Amino acid sequence: MIRDLKSLYVAIVDNEVVVFETNLKLFIEELGKIESEIRNYDYYYRQFKKSSKQSLVNSNSKKYYLQKIL
């Protein structure tokens, strides 16, 4: 494992990883490219401080599972 790796964020839809990133800001930017109904970086920063697992449901009932692995 890479010793300098501090965190890993993933977004899962239908049992498939659609976005992964080691930086939360970049993770939110990449997720924003495929899903327009996300909130801003500050919101997810506060949420990931509370819990390592989040969910996002868009207006089409597509459910994203967001998780901080490390």
PDB file of N, CA and C in Angstrom:
ATOM      1  N   MET A   1       0.838  -1.174   0.000  1.00  0.00           N
ATOM      2  CA  MET A   1       0.000   0.000   0.000  1.00  0.00           C
ATOM      3  C   MET A   1       0.885   1.240   0.000  1.00  0.00           C
ATOM      4  N   ILE A   2       0.401   2.276  -0.601  1.00  0.00           N
ATOM      5  CA  ILE A   2       1.137   3.524  -0.653  1.00  0.00           C
ATOM      6  C   ILE A   2       1.080   4.174   0.723  1.00  0.00           C
ATOM      7  N   ARG A   3       2.229   4.467   1.315  1.00  0.00           N
ATOM      8  CA  ARG A   3       2.264   5.021   2.670  1.00  0.00           C
ATOM      9  C   ARG A   3       1.766   6.451   2.721  1.00  0.00           C
ATOM     10  N   ASP A   4       1.901   7.203   1.653  1.00  0.00           N
ATOM     11  CA  ASP A   4       1.471   8.596   1.650  1.00  0.00           C
ATOM     12  C   ASP A   4      -0.020   8.761   1.401  1.00  0.00           C
ATOM     13  N   LEU A   5      -0.709   7.702   1.131  1.00  0.00           N
ATOM     14  CA  LEU A   5      -2.140   7.756   0.872  1.00  0.00           C
ATOM     15  C   LEU A   5      -2.881   7.967   2.189  1.00  0.00           C
ATOM     16  N   LYS A   6      -3.502   9.122   2.335  1.00  0.00           N
ATOM     17  CA  LYS A   6      -4.178   9.475   3.586  1.00  0.00           C
ATOM     18  C   LYS A   6      -5.663   9.136   3.547  1.00  0.00           C
ATOM     19  N   SER A   7      -6.276   9.243   2.371  1.00  0.00           N
ATOM     20  CA  SER A   7      -7.702   8.961   2.276  1.00  0.00           C
ATOM     21  C   SER A   7      -8.058   8.510   0.862  1.00  0.00           C
ATOM     22  N   LEU A   8      -9.186   7.826   0.757  1.00  0.00           N
ATOM     23  CA  LEU A   8      -9.693   7.365  -0.530  1.00  0.00           C
ATOM     24  C   LEU A   8     -11.207   7.466  -0.483  1.00  0.00           C
ATOM     25  N   TYR A   9     -11.764   8.208  -1.417  1.00  0.00           N
ATOM     26  CA  TYR A   9     -13.206   8.418  -1.507  1.00  0.00           C
ATOM     27  C   TYR A   9     -13.735   7.678  -2.726  1.00  0.00           C
ATOM     28  N   VAL A  10     -14.889   7.016  -2.565  1.00  0.00           N
ATOM     29  CA  VAL A  10     -15.497   6.301  -3.683  1.00  0.00           C
ATOM     30  C   VAL A  10     -16.985   6.624  -3.757  1.00  0.00           C
ATOM     31  N   ALA A  11     -17.511   6.591  -4.976  1.00  0.00           N
ATOM     32  CA  ALA A  11     -18.948   6.718  -5.223  1.00  0.00           C
ATOM     33  C   ALA A  11     -19.397   5.454  -5.942  1.00  0.00           C
ATOM     34  N   ILE A  12     -20.433   4.831  -5.420  1.00  0.00           N
ATOM     35  CA  ILE A  12     -20.912   3.556  -5.944  1.00  0.00           C
ATOM     36  C   ILE A  12     -22.363   3.707  -6.386  1.00  0.00           C
ATOM     37  N   VAL A  13     -22.652   3.215  -7.593  1.00  0.00           N
ATOM     38  CA  VAL A  13     -24.013   3.175  -8.129  1.00  0.00           C
ATOM     39  C   VAL A  13     -24.230   1.788  -8.710  1.00  0.00           C
ATOM     40  N   ASP A  14     -25.319   1.151  -8.335  1.00  0.00           N
ATOM     41  CA  ASP A  14     -25.651  -0.189  -8.848  1.00  0.00           C
ATOM     42  C   ASP A  14     -24.477  -1.158  -8.700  1.00  0.00           C
ATOM     43  N   ASN A  15     -23.868  -1.185  -7.536  1.00  0.00           N
ATOM     44  CA  ASN A  15     -22.746  -2.076  -7.209  1.00  0.00           C
ATOM     45  C   ASN A  15     -21.531  -1.876  -8.100  1.00  0.00           C
ATOM     46  N   GLU A  16     -21.351  -0.667  -8.600  1.00  0.00           N
ATOM     47  CA  GLU A  16     -20.211  -0.346  -9.456  1.00  0.00           C
ATOM     48  C   GLU A  16     -19.598   0.981  -9.002  1.00  0.00           C
ATOM     49  N   VAL A  17     -18.294   0.996  -8.868  1.00  0.00           N
ATOM     50  CA  VAL A  17     -17.604   2.232  -8.527  1.00  0.00           C
ATOM     51  C   VAL A  17     -17.577   3.130  -9.753  1.00  0.00           C
ATOM     52  N   VAL A  18     -18.130   4.334  -9.623  1.00  0.00           N
ATOM     53  CA  VAL A  18     -18.187   5.257 -10.759  1.00  0.00           C
ATOM     54  C   VAL A  18     -17.172   6.389 -10.618  1.00  0.00           C
ATOM     55  N   VAL A  19     -16.785   6.714  -9.389  1.00  0.00           N
ATOM     56  CA  VAL A  19     -15.785   7.754  -9.142  1.00  0.00           C
ATOM     57  C   VAL A  19     -14.953   7.341  -7.942  1.00  0.00           C
ATOM     58  N   PHE A  20     -13.635   7.533  -8.036  1.00  0.00           N
ATOM     59  CA  PHE A  20     -12.783   7.372  -6.862  1.00  0.00           C
ATOM     60  C   PHE A  20     -11.690   8.421  -6.937  1.00  0.00           C
ATOM     61  N   GLU A  21     -11.267   8.885  -5.771  1.00  0.00           N
ATOM     62  CA  GLU A  21     -10.263   9.942  -5.710  1.00  0.00           C
ATOM     63  C   GLU A  21      -9.655   9.950  -4.315  1.00  0.00           C
ATOM     64  N   THR A  22      -8.447  10.448  -4.207  1.00  0.00           N
ATOM     65  CA  THR A  22      -7.759  10.516  -2.918  1.00  0.00           C
ATOM     66  C   THR A  22      -7.936  11.859  -2.230  1.00  0.00           C
ATOM     67  N   ASN A  23      -8.514  12.814  -2.914  1.00  0.00           N
ATOM     68  CA  ASN A  23      -8.701  14.158  -2.388  1.00  0.00           C
ATOM     69  C   ASN A  23     -10.194  14.477  -2.456  1.00  0.00           C
ATOM     70  N   LEU A  24     -10.769  14.974  -1.361  1.00  0.00           N
ATOM     71  CA  LEU A  24     -12.204  15.215  -1.324  1.00  0.00           C
ATOM     72  C   LEU A  24     -12.629  16.274  -2.329  1.00  0.00           C
ATOM     73  N   LYS A  25     -11.865  17.324  -2.469  1.00  0.00           N
ATOM     74  CA  LYS A  25     -12.230  18.385  -3.414  1.00  0.00           C
ATOM     75  C   LYS A  25     -12.283  17.844  -4.838  1.00  0.00           C
ATOM     76  N   LEU A  26     -11.281  17.080  -5.226  1.00  0.00           N
ATOM     77  CA  LEU A  26     -11.271  16.483  -6.559  1.00  0.00           C
ATOM     78  C   LEU A  26     -12.379  15.447  -6.719  1.00  0.00           C
ATOM     79  N   PHE A  27     -12.662  14.728  -5.651  1.00  0.00           N
ATOM     80  CA  PHE A  27     -13.740  13.740  -5.670  1.00  0.00           C
ATOM     81  C   PHE A  27     -15.078  14.411  -5.969  1.00  0.00           C
ATOM     82  N   ILE A  28     -15.357  15.529  -5.304  1.00  0.00           N
ATOM     83  CA  ILE A  28     -16.606  16.255  -5.521  1.00  0.00           C
ATOM     84  C   ILE A  28     -16.655  16.830  -6.937  1.00  0.00           C
ATOM     85  N   GLU A  29     -15.537  17.305  -7.436  1.00  0.00           N
ATOM     86  CA  GLU A  29     -15.491  17.821  -8.811  1.00  0.00           C
ATOM     87  C   GLU A  29     -15.799  16.718  -9.819  1.00  0.00           C
ATOM     88  N   GLU A  30     -15.203  15.547  -9.653  1.00  0.00           N
ATOM     89  CA  GLU A  30     -15.439  14.423 -10.562  1.00  0.00           C
ATOM     90  C   GLU A  30     -16.876  13.920 -10.454  1.00  0.00           C
ATOM     91  N   LEU A  31     -17.398  13.869  -9.243  1.00  0.00           N
ATOM     92  CA  LEU A  31     -18.782  13.441  -9.054  1.00  0.00           C
ATOM     93  C   LEU A  31     -19.735  14.437  -9.703  1.00  0.00           C
ATOM     94  N   GLY A  32     -19.402  15.716  -9.650  1.00  0.00           N
ATOM     95  CA  GLY A  32     -20.213  16.751 -10.279  1.00  0.00           C
ATOM     96  C   GLY A  32     -20.283  16.629 -11.789  1.00  0.00           C
ATOM     97  N   LYS A  33     -19.287  16.001 -12.385  1.00  0.00           N
ATOM     98  CA  LYS A  33     -19.289  15.800 -13.836  1.00  0.00           C
ATOM     99  C   LYS A  33     -20.321  14.768 -14.283  1.00  0.00           C
ATOM    100  N   ILE A  34     -20.628  13.811 -13.407  1.00  0.00           N
ATOM    101  CA  ILE A  34     -21.600  12.782 -13.777  1.00  0.00           C
ATOM    102  C   ILE A  34     -22.952  12.984 -13.103  1.00  0.00           C
ATOM    103  N   GLU A  35     -22.998  13.792 -12.052  1.00  0.00           N
ATOM    104  CA  GLU A  35     -24.248  14.037 -11.330  1.00  0.00           C
ATOM    105  C   GLU A  35     -24.365  15.519 -11.003  1.00  0.00           C
ATOM    106  N   SER A  36     -25.355  16.166 -11.579  1.00  0.00           N
ATOM    107  CA  SER A  36     -25.485  17.618 -11.404  1.00  0.00           C
ATOM    108  C   SER A  36     -26.150  18.021 -10.091  1.00  0.00           C
ATOM    109  N   GLU A  37     -26.787  17.088  -9.412  1.00  0.00           N
ATOM    110  CA  GLU A  37     -27.548  17.411  -8.204  1.00  0.00           C
ATOM    111  C   GLU A  37     -26.751  17.198  -6.916  1.00  0.00           C
ATOM    112  N   ILE A  38     -25.460  17.456  -6.930  1.00  0.00           N
ATOM    113  CA  ILE A  38     -24.683  17.302  -5.705  1.00  0.00           C
ATOM    114  C   ILE A  38     -24.567  18.644  -5.004  1.00  0.00           C
ATOM    115  N   ARG A  39     -24.239  18.596  -3.747  1.00  0.00           N
ATOM    116  CA  ARG A  39     -24.017  19.818  -2.973  1.00  0.00           C
ATOM    117  C   ARG A  39     -22.562  20.233  -3.094  1.00  0.00           C
ATOM    118  N   ASN A  40     -22.203  21.299  -2.408  1.00  0.00           N
ATOM    119  CA  ASN A  40     -20.844  21.826  -2.533  1.00  0.00           C
ATOM    120  C   ASN A  40     -19.842  21.076  -1.643  1.00  0.00           C
ATOM    121  N   TYR A  41     -18.593  21.399  -1.834  1.00  0.00           N
ATOM    122  CA  TYR A  41     -17.493  20.753  -1.111  1.00  0.00           C
ATOM    123  C   TYR A  41     -17.654  20.877   0.404  1.00  0.00           C
ATOM    124  N   ASP A  42     -17.997  22.068   0.883  1.00  0.00           N
ATOM    125  CA  ASP A  42     -18.111  22.293   2.328  1.00  0.00           C
ATOM    126  C   ASP A  42     -19.137  21.373   2.976  1.00  0.00           C
ATOM    127  N   TYR A  43     -20.232  21.147   2.295  1.00  0.00           N
ATOM    128  CA  TYR A  43     -21.251  20.244   2.826  1.00  0.00           C
ATOM    129  C   TYR A  43     -20.677  18.846   3.023  1.00  0.00           C
ATOM    130  N   TYR A  44     -20.031  18.307   2.004  1.00  0.00           N
ATOM    131  CA  TYR A  44     -19.492  16.946   2.108  1.00  0.00           C
ATOM    132  C   TYR A  44     -18.314  16.869   3.072  1.00  0.00           C
ATOM    133  N   TYR A  45     -17.564  17.936   3.191  1.00  0.00           N
ATOM    134  CA  TYR A  45     -16.470  17.973   4.172  1.00  0.00           C
ATOM    135  C   TYR A  45     -17.038  17.787   5.581  1.00  0.00           C
ATOM    136  N   ARG A  46     -18.088  18.529   5.899  1.00  0.00           N
ATOM    137  CA  ARG A  46     -18.714  18.412   7.224  1.00  0.00           C
ATOM    138  C   ARG A  46     -19.357  17.040   7.411  1.00  0.00           C
ATOM    139  N   GLN A  47     -20.004  16.523   6.377  1.00  0.00           N
ATOM    140  CA  GLN A  47     -20.654  15.223   6.496  1.00  0.00           C
ATOM    141  C   GLN A  47     -19.648  14.086   6.698  1.00  0.00           C
ATOM    142  N   PHE A  48     -18.523  14.138   5.982  1.00  0.00           N
ATOM    143  CA  PHE A  48     -17.526  13.074   6.133  1.00  0.00           C
ATOM    144  C   PHE A  48     -16.790  13.178   7.463  1.00  0.00           C
ATOM    145  N   LYS A  49     -16.818  14.318   8.118  1.00  0.00           N
ATOM    146  CA  LYS A  49     -16.254  14.417   9.467  1.00  0.00           C
ATOM    147  C   LYS A  49     -17.153  13.683  10.465  1.00  0.00           C
ATOM    148  N   LYS A  50     -18.454  13.645  10.173  1.00  0.00           N
ATOM    149  CA  LYS A  50     -19.414  12.976  11.055  1.00  0.00           C
ATOM    150  C   LYS A  50     -19.444  11.469  10.827  1.00  0.00           C
ATOM    151  N   SER A  51     -19.398  11.063   9.550  1.00  0.00           N
ATOM    152  CA  SER A  51     -19.526   9.650   9.215  1.00  0.00           C
ATOM    153  C   SER A  51     -18.765   9.358   7.919  1.00  0.00           C
ATOM    154  N   SER A  52     -18.274   8.149   7.800  1.00  0.00           N
ATOM    155  CA  SER A  52     -17.515   7.776   6.605  1.00  0.00           C
ATOM    156  C   SER A  52     -18.416   7.318   5.462  1.00  0.00           C
ATOM    157  N   LYS A  53     -19.728   7.218   5.708  1.00  0.00           N
ATOM    158  CA  LYS A  53     -20.664   6.759   4.681  1.00  0.00           C
ATOM    159  C   LYS A  53     -21.762   7.800   4.493  1.00  0.00           C
ATOM    160  N   GLN A  54     -22.066   8.094   3.239  1.00  0.00           N
ATOM    161  CA  GLN A  54     -23.122   9.044   2.867  1.00  0.00           C
ATOM    162  C   GLN A  54     -23.926   8.439   1.724  1.00  0.00           C
ATOM    163  N   SER A  55     -25.102   8.953   1.519  1.00  0.00           N
ATOM    164  CA  SER A  55     -25.869   8.548   0.342  1.00  0.00           C
ATOM    165  C   SER A  55     -26.445   9.796  -0.312  1.00  0.00           C
ATOM    166  N   LEU A  56     -26.664   9.685  -1.601  1.00  0.00           N
ATOM    167  CA  LEU A  56     -27.192  10.783  -2.404  1.00  0.00           C
ATOM    168  C   LEU A  56     -28.229  10.205  -3.340  1.00  0.00           C
ATOM    169  N   VAL A  57     -29.431  10.752  -3.320  1.00  0.00           N
ATOM    170  CA  VAL A  57     -30.499  10.318  -4.216  1.00  0.00           C
ATOM    171  C   VAL A  57     -30.871  11.511  -5.083  1.00  0.00           C
ATOM    172  N   ASN A  58     -30.784  11.347  -6.400  1.00  0.00           N
ATOM    173  CA  ASN A  58     -31.128  12.452  -7.296  1.00  0.00           C
ATOM    174  C   ASN A  58     -32.622  12.427  -7.613  1.00  0.00           C
ATOM    175  N   SER A  59     -33.067  13.355  -8.440  1.00  0.00           N
ATOM    176  CA  SER A  59     -34.497  13.476  -8.756  1.00  0.00           C
ATOM    177  C   SER A  59     -35.026  12.297  -9.574  1.00  0.00           C
ATOM    178  N   ASN A  60     -34.144  11.539 -10.207  1.00  0.00           N
ATOM    179  CA  ASN A  60     -34.547  10.351 -10.968  1.00  0.00           C
ATOM    180  C   ASN A  60     -34.489   9.086 -10.124  1.00  0.00           C
ATOM    181  N   SER A  61     -34.356   9.237  -8.814  1.00  0.00           N
ATOM    182  CA  SER A  61     -34.272   8.128  -7.845  1.00  0.00           C
ATOM    183  C   SER A  61     -33.027   7.276  -8.026  1.00  0.00           C
ATOM    184  N   LYS A  62     -31.998   7.810  -8.623  1.00  0.00           N
ATOM    185  CA  LYS A  62     -30.724   7.105  -8.734  1.00  0.00           C
ATOM    186  C   LYS A  62     -29.983   7.324  -7.420  1.00  0.00           C
ATOM    187  N   LYS A  63     -29.570   6.247  -6.788  1.00  0.00           N
ATOM    188  CA  LYS A  63     -28.948   6.339  -5.469  1.00  0.00           C
ATOM    189  C   LYS A  63     -27.443   6.116  -5.557  1.00  0.00           C
ATOM    190  N   TYR A  64     -26.697   7.080  -5.066  1.00  0.00           N
ATOM    191  CA  TYR A  64     -25.244   7.010  -4.995  1.00  0.00           C
ATOM    192  C   TYR A  64     -24.849   6.739  -3.551  1.00  0.00           C
ATOM    193  N   TYR A  65     -23.929   5.836  -3.358  1.00  0.00           N
ATOM    194  CA  TYR A  65     -23.352   5.592  -2.045  1.00  0.00           C
ATOM    195  C   TYR A  65     -21.948   6.184  -2.056  1.00  0.00           C
ATOM    196  N   LEU A  66     -21.701   7.118  -1.152  1.00  0.00           N
ATOM    197  CA  LEU A  66     -20.406   7.776  -1.052  1.00  0.00           C
ATOM    198  C   LEU A  66     -19.732   7.259   0.214  1.00  0.00           C
ATOM    199  N   GLN A  67     -18.443   6.952   0.091  1.00  0.00           N
ATOM    200  CA  GLN A  67     -17.753   6.397   1.242  1.00  0.00           C
ATOM    201  C   GLN A  67     -16.298   6.846   1.264  1.00  0.00           C
ATOM    202  N   LYS A  68     -15.835   7.139   2.479  1.00  0.00           N
ATOM    203  CA  LYS A  68     -14.420   7.418   2.697  1.00  0.00           C
ATOM    204  C   LYS A  68     -13.821   6.115   3.213  1.00  0.00           C
ATOM    205  N   ILE A  69     -12.931   5.535   2.422  1.00  0.00           N
ATOM    206  CA  ILE A  69     -12.363   4.225   2.751  1.00  0.00           C
ATOM    207  C   ILE A  69     -11.247   4.344   3.786  1.00  0.00           C
ATOM    208  N   LEU A  70     -10.333   5.254   3.591  1.00  0.00           N
ATOM    209  CA  LEU A  70      -9.199   5.424   4.511  1.00  0.00           C
ATOM    210  C   LEU A  70      -9.358   6.679   5.325  1.00  0.00           C
TER     211      LEU A  70
END
